[in-house]
Amino acid sequence: MRERSTPYVTVFTPAYNRARYLGSLYESLIEQHFSDFEWVIVDDGSTDGTQEMAARFMAEEKIAIRYHYQENAGKHVAINRGVQLAKGELFFIVDSDDTLTTDALWVVFQQWQTVLNLPNASKFAGVCGLRIHMDGTVIGGDVDYETLDVSPVDYRFKFHYKGDRAEVIRTNVMRQYPYPQIAGERFCADAVVWNRIGQSYLLRYFNEGIYVCEYLQGGITDTSVRLRKSSPKSACLYYAEMVGLPGLTRFQRLKATINFWRFAVYDLDNSFVVKKRMIHSNWSFLMYPVALTLKALAVER
């Protein structure tokens, strides 16, 4: 492999009070069969010794590490900062409580090199492997392809593949599609960005587990409904944009509309532009009384 002045891959980790898990991720990065990468950590206001642990890792000088601290603002804000800091050609988000297989970055490199040799390489935003449980089973179930070149939108809504995936995206594409940052809200679903990218780009999906997950109690996946309730504008933005995605069936649009109003009732700001647009532009406001009823039943329980 030729020498490069910048790393090929930026492995990025947003960290919030997960110091006790960072060591496992660090070990998995040390053991990589591919060394042309950097590890960028954005600490989202941790109070548990994350900074000291990162300093210890950096002092060992086993891999290239950069650490940045920010006041607590949410994972999506940390990701935006990480994209700004990244030096790699590819950007790979790996959460603080997860790990990579030893050949993960080598597989990513090989897959991306194959894509770059395609005549339509400019249409690809990146590559995407599988997330697996610690026992090796695929999150969301096995897939029936070796490689599949489709948009993230078609992957989910046309081909109906389920489960979290391991997206590795060109850094310059990530910079085109920052996570929306709404004042007072600390959560924005990753799918907002993947859906936006999917309207202009393809991903090469490949059938290989590279990202090992352990869904912890209290993590983002475990508390996603609560997080959407506490960040209703971001949740509404996600579902409103989903309603407008090309290629969705009527049922998929109806489901997105119901979910829009499911979280819109937690947004008490009547000036929210997206909600006003949904009320006045189509029939979706008919779901509003249903959402209010569901909210009331939830409170009573």
C-alpha atoms as a PDB file:
ATOM      1  CA  MET A   1       0.000   0.000   0.000  1.00  0.00           C
ATOM      2  CA  ARG A   2       1.429   3.395  -0.937  1.00  0.00           C
ATOM      3  CA  GLU A   3       2.314   5.920   1.744  1.00  0.00           C
ATOM      4  CA  ARG A   4      -0.332   8.548   2.384  1.00  0.00           C
ATOM      5  CA  SER A   5      -0.041  11.948   4.035  1.00  0.00           C
ATOM      6  CA  THR A   6      -3.507  11.522   5.556  1.00  0.00           C
ATOM      7  CA  PRO A   7      -5.249   8.440   6.975  1.00  0.00           C
ATOM      8  CA  TYR A   8      -7.464   6.406   4.685  1.00  0.00           C
ATOM      9  CA  VAL A   9     -10.201   5.937   7.282  1.00  0.00           C
ATOM     10  CA  THR A  10     -11.334   8.065  10.188  1.00  0.00           C
ATOM     11  CA  VAL A  11     -12.877   5.835  12.845  1.00  0.00           C
ATOM     12  CA  PHE A  12     -15.049   8.212  14.813  1.00  0.00           C
ATOM     13  CA  THR A  13     -16.450   7.643  18.305  1.00  0.00           C
ATOM     14  CA  PRO A  14     -18.880   9.939  20.112  1.00  0.00           C
ATOM     15  CA  ALA A  15     -18.458   9.283  23.821  1.00  0.00           C
ATOM     16  CA  TYR A  16     -20.703  10.136  26.741  1.00  0.00           C
ATOM     17  CA  ASN A  17     -19.970   8.500  30.103  1.00  0.00           C
ATOM     18  CA  ARG A  18     -18.838   5.223  28.554  1.00  0.00           C
ATOM     19  CA  ALA A  19     -15.245   5.200  29.834  1.00  0.00           C
ATOM     20  CA  ARG A  20     -15.592   1.652  31.129  1.00  0.00           C
ATOM     21  CA  TYR A  21     -16.304   0.390  27.609  1.00  0.00           C
ATOM     22  CA  LEU A  22     -13.785   2.400  25.572  1.00  0.00           C
ATOM     23  CA  GLY A  23     -10.986  -0.020  26.398  1.00  0.00           C
ATOM     24  CA  SER A  24     -12.629  -2.844  24.440  1.00  0.00           C
ATOM     25  CA  LEU A  25     -13.012  -0.649  21.357  1.00  0.00           C
ATOM     26  CA  TYR A  26      -9.419   0.531  21.730  1.00  0.00           C
ATOM     27  CA  GLU A  27      -8.158  -3.059  21.854  1.00  0.00           C
ATOM     28  CA  SER A  28     -10.131  -3.941  18.729  1.00  0.00           C
ATOM     29  CA  LEU A  29      -8.547  -0.998  16.908  1.00  0.00           C
ATOM     30  CA  ILE A  30      -5.037  -1.985  17.994  1.00  0.00           C
ATOM     31  CA  GLU A  31      -5.661  -5.461  16.588  1.00  0.00           C
ATOM     32  CA  GLN A  32      -6.768  -4.265  13.134  1.00  0.00           C
ATOM     33  CA  HIS A  33      -5.100  -5.894  10.123  1.00  0.00           C
ATOM     34  CA  PHE A  34      -5.205  -2.478   8.420  1.00  0.00           C
ATOM     35  CA  SER A  35      -3.214   0.374   9.931  1.00  0.00           C
ATOM     36  CA  ASP A  36      -3.990   3.371   7.690  1.00  0.00           C
ATOM     37  CA  PHE A  37      -6.569   4.954   9.988  1.00  0.00           C
ATOM     38  CA  GLU A  38      -7.023   7.471  12.765  1.00  0.00           C
ATOM     39  CA  TRP A  39      -9.334   7.318  15.763  1.00  0.00           C
ATOM     40  CA  VAL A  40     -11.161  10.566  16.527  1.00  0.00           C
ATOM     41  CA  ILE A  41     -13.025  10.753  19.844  1.00  0.00           C
ATOM     42  CA  VAL A  42     -15.464  13.550  20.600  1.00  0.00           C
ATOM     43  CA  ASP A  43     -16.318  13.544  24.280  1.00  0.00           C
ATOM     44  CA  ASP A  44     -19.877  14.864  24.663  1.00  0.00           C
ATOM     45  CA  GLY A  45     -19.486  16.253  28.169  1.00  0.00           C
ATOM     46  CA  SER A  46     -18.532  13.055  30.018  1.00  0.00           C
ATOM     47  CA  THR A  47     -17.934  13.183  33.779  1.00  0.00           C
ATOM     48  CA  ASP A  48     -16.654   9.628  34.274  1.00  0.00           C
ATOM     49  CA  GLY A  49     -12.965   9.862  33.380  1.00  0.00           C
ATOM     50  CA  THR A  50     -13.313   9.517  29.613  1.00  0.00           C
ATOM     51  CA  GLN A  51     -10.746  12.285  29.055  1.00  0.00           C
ATOM     52  CA  GLU A  52      -8.178  10.591  31.278  1.00  0.00           C
ATOM     53  CA  MET A  53      -8.708   7.260  29.552  1.00  0.00           C
ATOM     54  CA  ALA A  54      -8.276   8.835  26.112  1.00  0.00           C
ATOM     55  CA  ALA A  55      -5.075  10.502  27.334  1.00  0.00           C
ATOM     56  CA  ARG A  56      -3.741   7.117  28.468  1.00  0.00           C
ATOM     57  CA  PHE A  57      -4.502   5.597  25.064  1.00  0.00           C
ATOM     58  CA  MET A  58      -2.758   8.458  23.279  1.00  0.00           C
ATOM     59  CA  ALA A  59       0.293   8.170  25.524  1.00  0.00           C
ATOM     60  CA  GLU A  60       0.752   4.543  24.428  1.00  0.00           C
ATOM     61  CA  GLU A  61       1.150   5.731  20.780  1.00  0.00           C
ATOM     62  CA  LYS A  62      -0.070   2.426  19.369  1.00  0.00           C
ATOM     63  CA  ILE A  63      -2.508   4.064  16.957  1.00  0.00           C
ATOM     64  CA  ALA A  64      -3.182   7.640  15.855  1.00  0.00           C
ATOM     65  CA  ILE A  65      -5.753   9.177  18.223  1.00  0.00           C
ATOM     66  CA  ARG A  66      -7.224  12.660  18.477  1.00  0.00           C
ATOM     67  CA  TYR A  67      -9.500  13.716  21.322  1.00  0.00           C
ATOM     68  CA  HIS A  68     -11.907  16.666  21.461  1.00  0.00           C
ATOM     69  CA  TYR A  69     -14.161  17.716  24.349  1.00  0.00           C
ATOM     70  CA  GLN A  70     -17.486  19.518  23.970  1.00  0.00           C
ATOM     71  CA  GLU A  71     -20.224  20.477  26.399  1.00  0.00           C
ATOM     72  CA  ASN A  72     -23.035  17.928  26.344  1.00  0.00           C
ATOM     73  CA  ALA A  73     -25.099  18.548  23.208  1.00  0.00           C
ATOM     74  CA  GLY A  74     -26.016  15.091  21.913  1.00  0.00           C
ATOM     75  CA  LYS A  75     -24.497  12.411  19.728  1.00  0.00           C
ATOM     76  CA  HIS A  76     -25.565  14.106  16.480  1.00  0.00           C
ATOM     77  CA  VAL A  77     -23.715  17.317  17.398  1.00  0.00           C
ATOM     78  CA  ALA A  78     -20.650  15.251  18.318  1.00  0.00           C
ATOM     79  CA  ILE A  79     -20.809  13.549  14.917  1.00  0.00           C
ATOM     80  CA  ASN A  80     -20.958  16.906  13.134  1.00  0.00           C
ATOM     81  CA  ARG A  81     -17.860  17.963  15.048  1.00  0.00           C
ATOM     82  CA  GLY A  82     -16.132  14.685  14.254  1.00  0.00           C
ATOM     83  CA  VAL A  83     -16.775  15.147  10.538  1.00  0.00           C
ATOM     84  CA  GLN A  84     -15.172  18.583  10.741  1.00  0.00           C
ATOM     85  CA  LEU A  85     -12.121  17.139  12.491  1.00  0.00           C
ATOM     86  CA  ALA A  86     -11.762  14.057  10.267  1.00  0.00           C
ATOM     87  CA  LYS A  87      -8.710  13.712   8.018  1.00  0.00           C
ATOM     88  CA  GLY A  88      -9.646  10.371   6.484  1.00  0.00           C
ATOM     89  CA  GLU A  89     -11.129   9.788   3.053  1.00  0.00           C
ATOM     90  CA  LEU A  90     -13.772   7.583   4.662  1.00  0.00           C
ATOM     91  CA  PHE A  91     -15.717   8.231   7.874  1.00  0.00           C
ATOM     92  CA  PHE A  92     -16.794   5.299  10.044  1.00  0.00           C
ATOM     93  CA  ILE A  93     -18.941   5.931  13.136  1.00  0.00           C
ATOM     94  CA  VAL A  94     -18.262   3.322  15.826  1.00  0.00           C
ATOM     95  CA  ASP A  95     -20.051   3.805  19.132  1.00  0.00           C
ATOM     96  CA  SER A  96     -18.106   3.769  22.377  1.00  0.00           C
ATOM     97  CA  ASP A  97     -19.648   0.527  23.648  1.00  0.00           C
ATOM     98  CA  ASP A  98     -19.094  -1.448  20.429  1.00  0.00           C
ATOM     99  CA  THR A  99     -16.063  -3.060  18.769  1.00  0.00           C
ATOM    100  CA  LEU A 100     -14.783  -4.017  15.314  1.00  0.00           C
ATOM    101  CA  THR A 101     -13.728  -7.397  13.995  1.00  0.00           C
ATOM    102  CA  THR A 102      -9.967  -7.607  13.462  1.00  0.00           C
ATOM    103  CA  ASP A 103     -10.300  -7.432   9.664  1.00  0.00           C
ATOM    104  CA  ALA A 104     -13.053  -4.778   9.589  1.00  0.00           C
ATOM    105  CA  LEU A 105     -11.002  -1.876   8.222  1.00  0.00           C
ATOM    106  CA  TRP A 106      -9.181  -4.105   5.754  1.00  0.00           C
ATOM    107  CA  VAL A 107     -12.524  -5.332   4.402  1.00  0.00           C
ATOM    108  CA  VAL A 108     -13.777  -1.738   4.159  1.00  0.00           C
ATOM    109  CA  PHE A 109     -10.627  -0.761   2.260  1.00  0.00           C
ATOM    110  CA  GLN A 110     -11.004  -3.650  -0.198  1.00  0.00           C
ATOM    111  CA  GLN A 111     -14.697  -2.982  -0.790  1.00  0.00           C
ATOM    112  CA  TRP A 112     -14.100   0.730  -1.370  1.00  0.00           C
ATOM    113  CA  GLN A 113     -11.234   0.039  -3.769  1.00  0.00           C
ATOM    114  CA  THR A 114     -13.582  -2.161  -5.789  1.00  0.00           C
ATOM    115  CA  VAL A 115     -16.165   0.625  -5.896  1.00  0.00           C
ATOM    116  CA  LEU A 116     -13.558   3.154  -7.045  1.00  0.00           C
ATOM    117  CA  ASN A 117     -12.874   0.969 -10.087  1.00  0.00           C
ATOM    118  CA  LEU A 118     -16.504   1.104 -11.201  1.00  0.00           C
ATOM    119  CA  PRO A 119     -17.403   3.405 -14.129  1.00  0.00           C
ATOM    120  CA  ASN A 120     -20.076   5.061 -11.972  1.00  0.00           C
ATOM    121  CA  ALA A 121     -17.924   5.344  -8.827  1.00  0.00           C
ATOM    122  CA  SER A 122     -18.920   8.986  -8.329  1.00  0.00           C
ATOM    123  CA  LYS A 123     -22.488   7.846  -7.608  1.00  0.00           C
ATOM    124  CA  PHE A 124     -21.387   5.996  -4.462  1.00  0.00           C
ATOM    125  CA  ALA A 125     -21.322   7.642  -1.049  1.00  0.00           C
ATOM    126  CA  GLY A 126     -19.546   4.694   0.552  1.00  0.00           C
ATOM    127  CA  VAL A 127     -19.827   1.061   1.577  1.00  0.00           C
ATOM    128  CA  CYS A 128     -21.820  -0.715   4.254  1.00  0.00           C
ATOM    129  CA  GLY A 129     -21.169  -3.953   6.103  1.00  0.00           C
ATOM    130  CA  LEU A 130     -23.183  -5.872   8.674  1.00  0.00           C
ATOM    131  CA  ARG A 131     -23.458  -5.371  12.390  1.00  0.00           C
ATOM    132  CA  ILE A 132     -23.331  -8.592  14.335  1.00  0.00           C
ATOM    133  CA  HIS A 133     -23.981  -9.718  17.883  1.00  0.00           C
ATOM    134  CA  MET A 134     -21.111 -11.003  19.986  1.00  0.00           C
ATOM    135  CA  ASP A 135     -22.079 -14.562  19.042  1.00  0.00           C
ATOM    136  CA  GLY A 136     -21.700 -13.729  15.335  1.00  0.00           C
ATOM    137  CA  THR A 137     -25.388 -13.635  14.415  1.00  0.00           C
ATOM    138  CA  VAL A 138     -26.430 -10.791  12.120  1.00  0.00           C
ATOM    139  CA  ILE A 139     -28.440  -7.969  13.643  1.00  0.00           C
ATOM    140  CA  GLY A 140     -31.760  -7.873  11.820  1.00  0.00           C
ATOM    141  CA  GLY A 141     -31.237 -11.374  10.383  1.00  0.00           C
ATOM    142  CA  ASP A 142     -29.157 -12.835   7.560  1.00  0.00           C
ATOM    143  CA  VAL A 143     -29.179 -11.126   4.154  1.00  0.00           C
ATOM    144  CA  ASP A 144     -29.481 -12.766   0.737  1.00  0.00           C
ATOM    145  CA  TYR A 145     -26.819 -10.832  -1.189  1.00  0.00           C
ATOM    146  CA  GLU A 146     -23.046 -10.872  -1.452  1.00  0.00           C
ATOM    147  CA  THR A 147     -22.980  -7.281  -2.645  1.00  0.00           C
ATOM    148  CA  LEU A 148     -25.866  -4.954  -3.409  1.00  0.00           C
ATOM    149  CA  ASP A 149     -25.564  -1.494  -4.973  1.00  0.00           C
ATOM    150  CA  VAL A 150     -28.615   0.528  -3.950  1.00  0.00           C
ATOM    151  CA  SER A 151     -29.506   3.718  -2.132  1.00  0.00           C
ATOM    152  CA  PRO A 152     -30.063   3.627   1.641  1.00  0.00           C
ATOM    153  CA  VAL A 153     -33.700   4.549   0.957  1.00  0.00           C
ATOM    154  CA  ASP A 154     -34.287   1.585  -1.381  1.00  0.00           C
ATOM    155  CA  TYR A 155     -32.378  -0.742   0.944  1.00  0.00           C
ATOM    156  CA  ARG A 156     -34.861  -0.060   3.737  1.00  0.00           C
ATOM    157  CA  PHE A 157     -38.141   0.677   1.988  1.00  0.00           C
ATOM    158  CA  LYS A 158     -37.952  -1.253  -1.299  1.00  0.00           C
ATOM    159  CA  PHE A 159     -35.935  -4.309  -0.312  1.00  0.00           C
ATOM    160  CA  HIS A 160     -37.075  -4.237   3.354  1.00  0.00           C
ATOM    161  CA  TYR A 161     -33.782  -5.172   5.006  1.00  0.00           C
ATOM    162  CA  LYS A 162     -33.933  -4.726   8.761  1.00  0.00           C
ATOM    163  CA  GLY A 163     -31.406  -4.032  11.493  1.00  0.00           C
ATOM    164  CA  ASP A 164     -28.647  -1.521  12.119  1.00  0.00           C
ATOM    165  CA  ARG A 165     -25.810  -1.537   9.599  1.00  0.00           C
ATOM    166  CA  ALA A 166     -22.167  -0.420   9.554  1.00  0.00           C
ATOM    167  CA  GLU A 167     -22.139   2.542   7.151  1.00  0.00           C
ATOM    168  CA  VAL A 168     -18.745   3.869   6.056  1.00  0.00           C
ATOM    169  CA  ILE A 169     -19.229   7.116   4.142  1.00  0.00           C
ATOM    170  CA  ARG A 170     -16.934   9.379   2.168  1.00  0.00           C
ATOM    171  CA  THR A 171     -16.002  12.215   4.500  1.00  0.00           C
ATOM    172  CA  ASN A 172     -16.744  14.874   1.879  1.00  0.00           C
ATOM    173  CA  VAL A 173     -20.266  13.444   1.511  1.00  0.00           C
ATOM    174  CA  MET A 174     -20.791  13.533   5.287  1.00  0.00           C
ATOM    175  CA  ARG A 175     -19.818  17.192   5.174  1.00  0.00           C
ATOM    176  CA  GLN A 176     -22.557  17.812   2.599  1.00  0.00           C
ATOM    177  CA  TYR A 177     -25.187  16.288   4.910  1.00  0.00           C
ATOM    178  CA  PRO A 178     -24.652  17.426   8.521  1.00  0.00           C
ATOM    179  CA  TYR A 179     -27.076  16.295  11.194  1.00  0.00           C
ATOM    180  CA  PRO A 180     -29.771  18.919  11.840  1.00  0.00           C
ATOM    181  CA  GLN A 181     -29.134  20.745  15.104  1.00  0.00           C
ATOM    182  CA  ILE A 182     -32.248  22.109  16.804  1.00  0.00           C
ATOM    183  CA  ALA A 183     -31.849  24.307  19.865  1.00  0.00           C
ATOM    184  CA  GLY A 184     -32.765  22.521  23.090  1.00  0.00           C
ATOM    185  CA  GLU A 185     -32.794  19.029  21.557  1.00  0.00           C
ATOM    186  CA  ARG A 186     -30.100  16.404  22.124  1.00  0.00           C
ATOM    187  CA  PHE A 187     -31.145  13.616  19.764  1.00  0.00           C
ATOM    188  CA  CYS A 188     -31.456  13.205  16.009  1.00  0.00           C
ATOM    189  CA  ALA A 189     -31.893   9.800  14.347  1.00  0.00           C
ATOM    190  CA  ASP A 190     -29.058   8.619  12.080  1.00  0.00           C
ATOM    191  CA  ALA A 191     -31.676   7.754   9.451  1.00  0.00           C
ATOM    192  CA  VAL A 192     -32.289  11.464   8.815  1.00  0.00           C
ATOM    193  CA  VAL A 193     -28.811  11.679   7.304  1.00  0.00           C
ATOM    194  CA  TRP A 194     -28.869   8.261   5.596  1.00  0.00           C
ATOM    195  CA  ASN A 195     -32.202   9.104   3.908  1.00  0.00           C
ATOM    196  CA  ARG A 196     -30.878  12.451   2.700  1.00  0.00           C
ATOM    197  CA  ILE A 197     -27.733  10.840   1.314  1.00  0.00           C
ATOM    198  CA  GLY A 198     -29.866   8.126  -0.258  1.00  0.00           C
ATOM    199  CA  GLN A 199     -31.683  10.589  -2.461  1.00  0.00           C
ATOM    200  CA  SER A 200     -28.452  11.393  -4.313  1.00  0.00           C
ATOM    201  CA  TYR A 201     -26.073   8.469  -3.744  1.00  0.00           C
ATOM    202  CA  LEU A 202     -25.753   4.697  -3.677  1.00  0.00           C
ATOM    203  CA  LEU A 203     -23.992   2.510  -1.129  1.00  0.00           C
ATOM    204  CA  ARG A 204     -22.321  -0.807  -1.782  1.00  0.00           C
ATOM    205  CA  TYR A 205     -23.789  -3.173   0.804  1.00  0.00           C
ATOM    206  CA  PHE A 206     -21.711  -6.296   1.437  1.00  0.00           C
ATOM    207  CA  ASN A 207     -22.476  -9.488   3.304  1.00  0.00           C
ATOM    208  CA  GLU A 208     -19.802  -9.520   5.955  1.00  0.00           C
ATOM    209  CA  GLY A 209     -19.977  -8.781   9.668  1.00  0.00           C
ATOM    210  CA  ILE A 210     -17.483  -6.093  10.620  1.00  0.00           C
ATOM    211  CA  TYR A 211     -19.095  -4.268  13.553  1.00  0.00           C
ATOM    212  CA  VAL A 212     -19.822  -6.043  16.856  1.00  0.00           C
ATOM    213  CA  CYS A 213     -22.699  -4.636  18.915  1.00  0.00           C
ATOM    214  CA  GLU A 214     -23.750  -5.082  22.475  1.00  0.00           C
ATOM    215  CA  TYR A 215     -26.954  -3.097  23.013  1.00  0.00           C
ATOM    216  CA  LEU A 216     -26.643  -1.859  26.569  1.00  0.00           C
ATOM    217  CA  GLN A 217     -29.501  -0.904  28.864  1.00  0.00           C
ATOM    218  CA  GLY A 218     -29.777   2.868  28.819  1.00  0.00           C
ATOM    219  CA  GLY A 219     -28.045   3.223  25.450  1.00  0.00           C
ATOM    220  CA  ILE A 220     -29.497   5.148  22.517  1.00  0.00           C
ATOM    221  CA  THR A 221     -31.040   2.060  20.907  1.00  0.00           C
ATOM    222  CA  ASP A 222     -32.591   0.986  24.213  1.00  0.00           C
ATOM    223  CA  THR A 223     -34.100   4.428  24.881  1.00  0.00           C
ATOM    224  CA  SER A 224     -34.936   5.592  21.348  1.00  0.00           C
ATOM    225  CA  VAL A 225     -38.645   6.272  21.996  1.00  0.00           C
ATOM    226  CA  ARG A 226     -37.896   8.326  25.090  1.00  0.00           C
ATOM    227  CA  LEU A 227     -35.232  10.264  23.198  1.00  0.00           C
ATOM    228  CA  ARG A 228     -37.670  11.051  20.382  1.00  0.00           C
ATOM    229  CA  LYS A 229     -40.212  12.303  22.913  1.00  0.00           C
ATOM    230  CA  SER A 230     -37.601  14.593  24.455  1.00  0.00           C
ATOM    231  CA  SER A 231     -36.476  15.818  21.001  1.00  0.00           C
ATOM    232  CA  PRO A 232     -39.832  15.992  19.206  1.00  0.00           C
ATOM    233  CA  LYS A 233     -38.831  18.514  16.543  1.00  0.00           C
ATOM    234  CA  SER A 234     -36.033  16.263  15.319  1.00  0.00           C
ATOM    235  CA  ALA A 235     -38.356  13.250  15.400  1.00  0.00           C
ATOM    236  CA  CYS A 236     -41.019  15.157  13.449  1.00  0.00           C
ATOM    237  CA  LEU A 237     -38.448  16.302  10.902  1.00  0.00           C
ATOM    238  CA  TYR A 238     -37.391  12.693  10.318  1.00  0.00           C
ATOM    239  CA  TYR A 239     -40.927  11.408   9.749  1.00  0.00           C
ATOM    240  CA  ALA A 240     -41.990  14.434   7.688  1.00  0.00           C
ATOM    241  CA  GLU A 241     -39.060  13.876   5.338  1.00  0.00           C
ATOM    242  CA  MET A 242     -39.854  10.167   5.193  1.00  0.00           C
ATOM    243  CA  VAL A 243     -43.374  10.949   3.972  1.00  0.00           C
ATOM    244  CA  GLY A 244     -41.816  12.751   1.011  1.00  0.00           C
ATOM    245  CA  LEU A 245     -39.279  10.068   0.059  1.00  0.00           C
ATOM    246  CA  PRO A 246     -39.680   8.739  -3.502  1.00  0.00           C
ATOM    247  CA  GLY A 247     -40.734   5.132  -3.955  1.00  0.00           C
ATOM    248  CA  LEU A 248     -42.533   4.580  -0.659  1.00  0.00           C
ATOM    249  CA  THR A 249     -45.825   2.706  -0.667  1.00  0.00           C
ATOM    250  CA  ARG A 250     -49.021   4.273   0.644  1.00  0.00           C
ATOM    251  CA  PHE A 251     -48.782   2.099   3.732  1.00  0.00           C
ATOM    252  CA  GLN A 252     -45.216   3.256   4.430  1.00  0.00           C
ATOM    253  CA  ARG A 253     -46.282   6.902   4.060  1.00  0.00           C
ATOM    254  CA  LEU A 254     -49.262   6.335   6.357  1.00  0.00           C
ATOM    255  CA  LYS A 255     -47.027   4.728   8.974  1.00  0.00           C
ATOM    256  CA  ALA A 256     -44.592   7.660   8.789  1.00  0.00           C
ATOM    257  CA  THR A 257     -47.478  10.114   9.131  1.00  0.00           C
ATOM    258  CA  ILE A 258     -48.830   8.345  12.209  1.00  0.00           C
ATOM    259  CA  ASN A 259     -45.357   8.394  13.767  1.00  0.00           C
ATOM    260  CA  PHE A 260     -45.019  12.094  12.919  1.00  0.00           C
ATOM    261  CA  TRP A 261     -48.080  12.939  14.993  1.00  0.00           C
ATOM    262  CA  ARG A 262     -47.126  10.380  17.633  1.00  0.00           C
ATOM    263  CA  PHE A 263     -44.165  12.604  18.527  1.00  0.00           C
ATOM    264  CA  ALA A 264     -45.585  15.949  17.410  1.00  0.00           C
ATOM    265  CA  VAL A 265     -47.869  16.001  20.446  1.00  0.00           C
ATOM    266  CA  TYR A 266     -44.751  16.314  22.620  1.00  0.00           C
ATOM    267  CA  ASP A 267     -43.687  19.465  20.777  1.00  0.00           C
ATOM    268  CA  LEU A 268     -45.310  22.387  22.560  1.00  0.00           C
ATOM    269  CA  ASP A 269     -43.880  25.035  20.229  1.00  0.00           C
ATOM    270  CA  ASN A 270     -46.695  25.933  17.840  1.00  0.00           C
ATOM    271  CA  SER A 271     -44.282  27.914  15.686  1.00  0.00           C
ATOM    272  CA  PHE A 272     -42.478  24.729  14.578  1.00  0.00           C
ATOM    273  CA  VAL A 273     -42.421  25.085  10.790  1.00  0.00           C
ATOM    274  CA  VAL A 274     -42.498  21.382   9.917  1.00  0.00           C
ATOM    275  CA  LYS A 275     -45.594  20.747  12.024  1.00  0.00           C
ATOM    276  CA  LYS A 276     -47.429  23.679  10.471  1.00  0.00           C
ATOM    277  CA  ARG A 277     -46.575  22.413   7.008  1.00  0.00           C
ATOM    278  CA  MET A 278     -47.890  18.933   7.809  1.00  0.00           C
ATOM    279  CA  ILE A 279     -51.111  20.373   9.222  1.00  0.00           C
ATOM    280  CA  HIS A 280     -51.885  22.593   6.260  1.00  0.00           C
ATOM    281  CA  SER A 281     -50.458  20.685   3.297  1.00  0.00           C
ATOM    282  CA  ASN A 282     -52.303  17.348   3.411  1.00  0.00           C
ATOM    283  CA  TRP A 283     -54.737  15.100   5.244  1.00  0.00           C
ATOM    284  CA  SER A 284     -52.215  14.110   7.887  1.00  0.00           C
ATOM    285  CA  PHE A 285     -53.741  16.382  10.547  1.00  0.00           C
ATOM    286  CA  LEU A 286     -56.520  13.776  10.844  1.00  0.00           C
ATOM    287  CA  MET A 287     -54.004  11.664  12.795  1.00  0.00           C
ATOM    288  CA  TYR A 288     -53.550  14.418  15.390  1.00  0.00           C
ATOM    289  CA  PRO A 289     -56.555  13.452  17.599  1.00  0.00           C
ATOM    290  CA  VAL A 290     -55.387   9.811  17.528  1.00  0.00           C
ATOM    291  CA  ALA A 291     -51.935  10.876  18.703  1.00  0.00           C
ATOM    292  CA  LEU A 292     -53.411  12.982  21.511  1.00  0.00           C
ATOM    293  CA  THR A 293     -55.463  10.018  22.676  1.00  0.00           C
ATOM    294  CA  LEU A 294     -52.408   7.731  22.674  1.00  0.00           C
ATOM    295  CA  LYS A 295     -50.446  10.327  24.651  1.00  0.00           C
ATOM    296  CA  ALA A 296     -53.236  10.616  27.230  1.00  0.00           C
ATOM    297  CA  LEU A 297     -53.399   6.826  27.633  1.00  0.00           C
ATOM    298  CA  ALA A 298     -49.622   6.689  28.104  1.00  0.00           C
ATOM    299  CA  VAL A 299     -49.785   9.339  30.849  1.00  0.00           C
ATOM    300  CA  GLU A 300     -52.582   7.470  32.659  1.00  0.00           C
ATOM    301  CA  ARG A 301     -50.497   4.300  32.739  1.00  0.00           C
END
